Amino acid sequence: MHAIFVTIKIKPGFADQFREASFGDSQGSVRDEPGCFRFDILEDKSDPNTFYLYEVYADGEAHMDAHRNAPHYKKWRETVQDWFDGDIQAIPMNTVFPSDEGWRAQKPGLLNW
């Protein structure tokens, strides 16, 4: 599986709006994209203007093509792009555990918010 860990710094005063706008992208990703197996939104405890995204996709194509062309991603990006404080940092990775089958088996549980 293809994973990505993203660090996003938000301008002061926009953390609440960023958090709210990001729910739609996260939920839409796991609900509507067959190749998305995880999309976590995390907030730094010591800096409420720093967020981390942990995303897992079947492969790079599911991330770079399907996800980035999805309506929920386009809406999110358009909404939040002016709130970024600097460049987004992204680290691409390969998952080790769970196995690919394990990721697939967990996906139905992600839809129970």
C-alpha atoms as a PDB file:
ATOM      1  CA  MET A   1       0.000   0.000   0.000  1.00  0.00           C
ATOM      2  CA  HIS A   2       1.011   3.592  -0.625  1.00  0.00           C
ATOM      3  CA  ALA A   3       0.936   5.892   2.398  1.00  0.00           C
ATOM      4  CA  ILE A   4       1.608   9.574   2.831  1.00  0.00           C
ATOM      5  CA  PHE A   5       2.266  11.640   5.941  1.00  0.00           C
ATOM      6  CA  VAL A   6       1.494  15.320   5.416  1.00  0.00           C
ATOM      7  CA  THR A   7       2.345  18.271   7.644  1.00  0.00           C
ATOM      8  CA  ILE A   8       0.297  21.429   7.146  1.00  0.00           C
ATOM      9  CA  LYS A   9       0.803  24.673   9.036  1.00  0.00           C
ATOM     10  CA  ILE A  10      -2.207  26.976   9.096  1.00  0.00           C
ATOM     11  CA  LYS A  11      -2.181  30.734   9.572  1.00  0.00           C
ATOM     12  CA  PRO A  12      -3.286  31.792  13.073  1.00  0.00           C
ATOM     13  CA  GLY A  13      -7.040  32.183  13.367  1.00  0.00           C
ATOM     14  CA  PHE A  14      -7.938  29.515  10.786  1.00  0.00           C
ATOM     15  CA  ALA A  15      -7.459  26.265  12.722  1.00  0.00           C
ATOM     16  CA  ASP A  16     -11.152  25.718  13.457  1.00  0.00           C
ATOM     17  CA  GLN A  17     -12.166  26.402   9.856  1.00  0.00           C
ATOM     18  CA  PHE A  18      -9.379  24.154   8.566  1.00  0.00           C
ATOM     19  CA  ARG A  19     -10.429  21.320  10.862  1.00  0.00           C
ATOM     20  CA  GLU A  20     -14.060  21.602   9.754  1.00  0.00           C
ATOM     21  CA  ALA A  21     -13.226  21.826   6.037  1.00  0.00           C
ATOM     22  CA  SER A  22     -10.907  18.825   6.314  1.00  0.00           C
ATOM     23  CA  PHE A  23     -13.669  16.529   7.617  1.00  0.00           C
ATOM     24  CA  GLY A  24     -15.353  16.574   4.207  1.00  0.00           C
ATOM     25  CA  ASP A  25     -12.175  15.558   2.403  1.00  0.00           C
ATOM     26  CA  SER A  26     -11.344  12.849   4.916  1.00  0.00           C
ATOM     27  CA  GLN A  27     -14.841  11.380   4.999  1.00  0.00           C
ATOM     28  CA  GLY A  28     -15.284  11.631   1.234  1.00  0.00           C
ATOM     29  CA  SER A  29     -11.959   9.906   0.685  1.00  0.00           C
ATOM     30  CA  VAL A  30     -12.692   6.781   2.719  1.00  0.00           C
ATOM     31  CA  ARG A  31     -16.370   6.702   1.729  1.00  0.00           C
ATOM     32  CA  ASP A  32     -16.172   7.450  -2.008  1.00  0.00           C
ATOM     33  CA  GLU A  33     -12.716   6.331  -3.109  1.00  0.00           C
ATOM     34  CA  PRO A  34     -12.332   2.541  -3.416  1.00  0.00           C
ATOM     35  CA  GLY A  35      -8.545   2.910  -3.304  1.00  0.00           C
ATOM     36  CA  CYS A  36      -8.429   4.951  -0.050  1.00  0.00           C
ATOM     37  CA  PHE A  37      -8.019   2.851   3.087  1.00  0.00           C
ATOM     38  CA  ARG A  38      -7.245   5.479   5.713  1.00  0.00           C
ATOM     39  CA  PHE A  39      -7.397   9.235   6.114  1.00  0.00           C
ATOM     40  CA  ASP A  40      -6.586  10.516   9.592  1.00  0.00           C
ATOM     41  CA  ILE A  41      -6.536  14.181  10.599  1.00  0.00           C
ATOM     42  CA  LEU A  42      -4.300  14.943  13.567  1.00  0.00           C
ATOM     43  CA  GLU A  43      -3.631  18.198  15.400  1.00  0.00           C
ATOM     44  CA  ASP A  44      -0.330  19.000  17.089  1.00  0.00           C
ATOM     45  CA  LYS A  45      -0.811  19.232  20.886  1.00  0.00           C
ATOM     46  CA  SER A  46       1.757  21.993  21.281  1.00  0.00           C
ATOM     47  CA  ASP A  47       0.811  23.998  18.166  1.00  0.00           C
ATOM     48  CA  PRO A  48      -2.917  24.121  17.295  1.00  0.00           C
ATOM     49  CA  ASN A  49      -2.031  25.621  13.901  1.00  0.00           C
ATOM     50  CA  THR A  50      -0.157  22.501  12.792  1.00  0.00           C
ATOM     51  CA  PHE A  51      -2.056  19.540  11.373  1.00  0.00           C
ATOM     52  CA  TYR A  52      -0.932  16.150  10.155  1.00  0.00           C
ATOM     53  CA  LEU A  53      -2.695  13.926   7.658  1.00  0.00           C
ATOM     54  CA  TYR A  54      -2.003  10.206   7.485  1.00  0.00           C
ATOM     55  CA  GLU A  55      -3.433   8.655   4.349  1.00  0.00           C
ATOM     56  CA  VAL A  56      -3.241   5.124   2.926  1.00  0.00           C
ATOM     57  CA  TYR A  57      -4.101   4.265  -0.667  1.00  0.00           C
ATOM     58  CA  ALA A  58      -3.962   1.103  -2.750  1.00  0.00           C
ATOM     59  CA  ASP A  59      -1.185   2.633  -4.839  1.00  0.00           C
ATOM     60  CA  GLY A  60       0.196   5.926  -6.101  1.00  0.00           C
ATOM     61  CA  GLU A  61      -2.430   6.124  -8.831  1.00  0.00           C
ATOM     62  CA  ALA A  62      -5.257   5.924  -6.280  1.00  0.00           C
ATOM     63  CA  HIS A  63      -3.635   8.836  -4.451  1.00  0.00           C
ATOM     64  CA  MET A  64      -2.351  11.055  -7.228  1.00  0.00           C
ATOM     65  CA  ASP A  65      -5.122  10.481  -9.770  1.00  0.00           C
ATOM     66  CA  ALA A  66      -8.332   9.294  -8.111  1.00  0.00           C
ATOM     67  CA  HIS A  67      -7.958  11.290  -4.890  1.00  0.00           C
ATOM     68  CA  ARG A  68      -6.707  14.527  -6.390  1.00  0.00           C
ATOM     69  CA  ASN A  69      -9.486  14.504  -8.998  1.00  0.00           C
ATOM     70  CA  ALA A  70     -12.269  13.709  -6.507  1.00  0.00           C
ATOM     71  CA  PRO A  71     -14.849  16.465  -5.916  1.00  0.00           C
ATOM     72  CA  HIS A  72     -14.315  16.445  -2.140  1.00  0.00           C
ATOM     73  CA  TYR A  73     -10.549  17.000  -2.570  1.00  0.00           C
ATOM     74  CA  LYS A  74     -11.028  19.819  -5.069  1.00  0.00           C
ATOM     75  CA  LYS A  75     -13.520  21.518  -2.749  1.00  0.00           C
ATOM     76  CA  TRP A  76     -11.167  21.101   0.225  1.00  0.00           C
ATOM     77  CA  ARG A  77      -8.162  22.440  -1.632  1.00  0.00           C
ATOM     78  CA  GLU A  78     -10.061  25.459  -2.918  1.00  0.00           C
ATOM     79  CA  THR A  79     -11.408  26.189   0.565  1.00  0.00           C
ATOM     80  CA  VAL A  80      -8.179  25.858   2.575  1.00  0.00           C
ATOM     81  CA  GLN A  81      -5.380  26.920   0.234  1.00  0.00           C
ATOM     82  CA  ASP A  82      -5.320  30.544   1.421  1.00  0.00           C
ATOM     83  CA  TRP A  83      -4.987  29.387   5.041  1.00  0.00           C
ATOM     84  CA  PHE A  84      -1.659  27.568   4.503  1.00  0.00           C
ATOM     85  CA  ASP A  85       1.279  29.105   6.343  1.00  0.00           C
ATOM     86  CA  GLY A  86       4.176  27.992   4.152  1.00  0.00           C
ATOM     87  CA  ASP A  87       4.609  24.915   2.028  1.00  0.00           C
ATOM     88  CA  ILE A  88       2.949  21.605   2.738  1.00  0.00           C
ATOM     89  CA  GLN A  89       5.414  18.885   3.697  1.00  0.00           C
ATOM     90  CA  ALA A  90       4.603  15.389   2.386  1.00  0.00           C
ATOM     91  CA  ILE A  91       6.481  12.162   3.008  1.00  0.00           C
ATOM     92  CA  PRO A  92       5.496   9.229   0.772  1.00  0.00           C
ATOM     93  CA  MET A  93       5.868   5.770   2.339  1.00  0.00           C
ATOM     94  CA  ASN A  94       5.088   2.103   1.848  1.00  0.00           C
ATOM     95  CA  THR A  95       3.057   0.407   4.572  1.00  0.00           C
ATOM     96  CA  VAL A  96       4.563  -2.548   6.421  1.00  0.00           C
ATOM     97  CA  PHE A  97       1.776  -3.426   8.860  1.00  0.00           C
ATOM     98  CA  PRO A  98      -1.096  -4.077   8.482  1.00  0.00           C
ATOM     99  CA  SER A  99      -0.777  -6.222   5.384  1.00  0.00           C
ATOM    100  CA  ASP A 100      -2.553  -5.160   2.199  1.00  0.00           C
ATOM    101  CA  GLU A 101      -5.313  -7.631   3.055  1.00  0.00           C
ATOM    102  CA  GLY A 102      -5.495  -6.149   6.552  1.00  0.00           C
ATOM    103  CA  TRP A 103      -6.003  -2.637   5.155  1.00  0.00           C
ATOM    104  CA  ARG A 104      -8.768  -3.899   2.879  1.00  0.00           C
ATOM    105  CA  ALA A 105     -10.471  -5.711   5.778  1.00  0.00           C
ATOM    106  CA  GLN A 106     -10.447  -2.547   7.942  1.00  0.00           C
ATOM    107  CA  LYS A 107     -12.026  -0.248   5.381  1.00  0.00           C
ATOM    108  CA  PRO A 108     -15.699  -1.057   6.198  1.00  0.00           C
ATOM    109  CA  GLY A 109     -15.099  -0.026   9.815  1.00  0.00           C
ATOM    110  CA  LEU A 110     -13.890   3.423   8.740  1.00  0.00           C
ATOM    111  CA  LEU A 111     -17.358   4.286   7.563  1.00  0.00           C
ATOM    112  CA  ASN A 112     -18.829   4.203  11.072  1.00  0.00           C
ATOM    113  CA  TRP A 113     -18.346   7.787  12.269  1.00  0.00           C
END
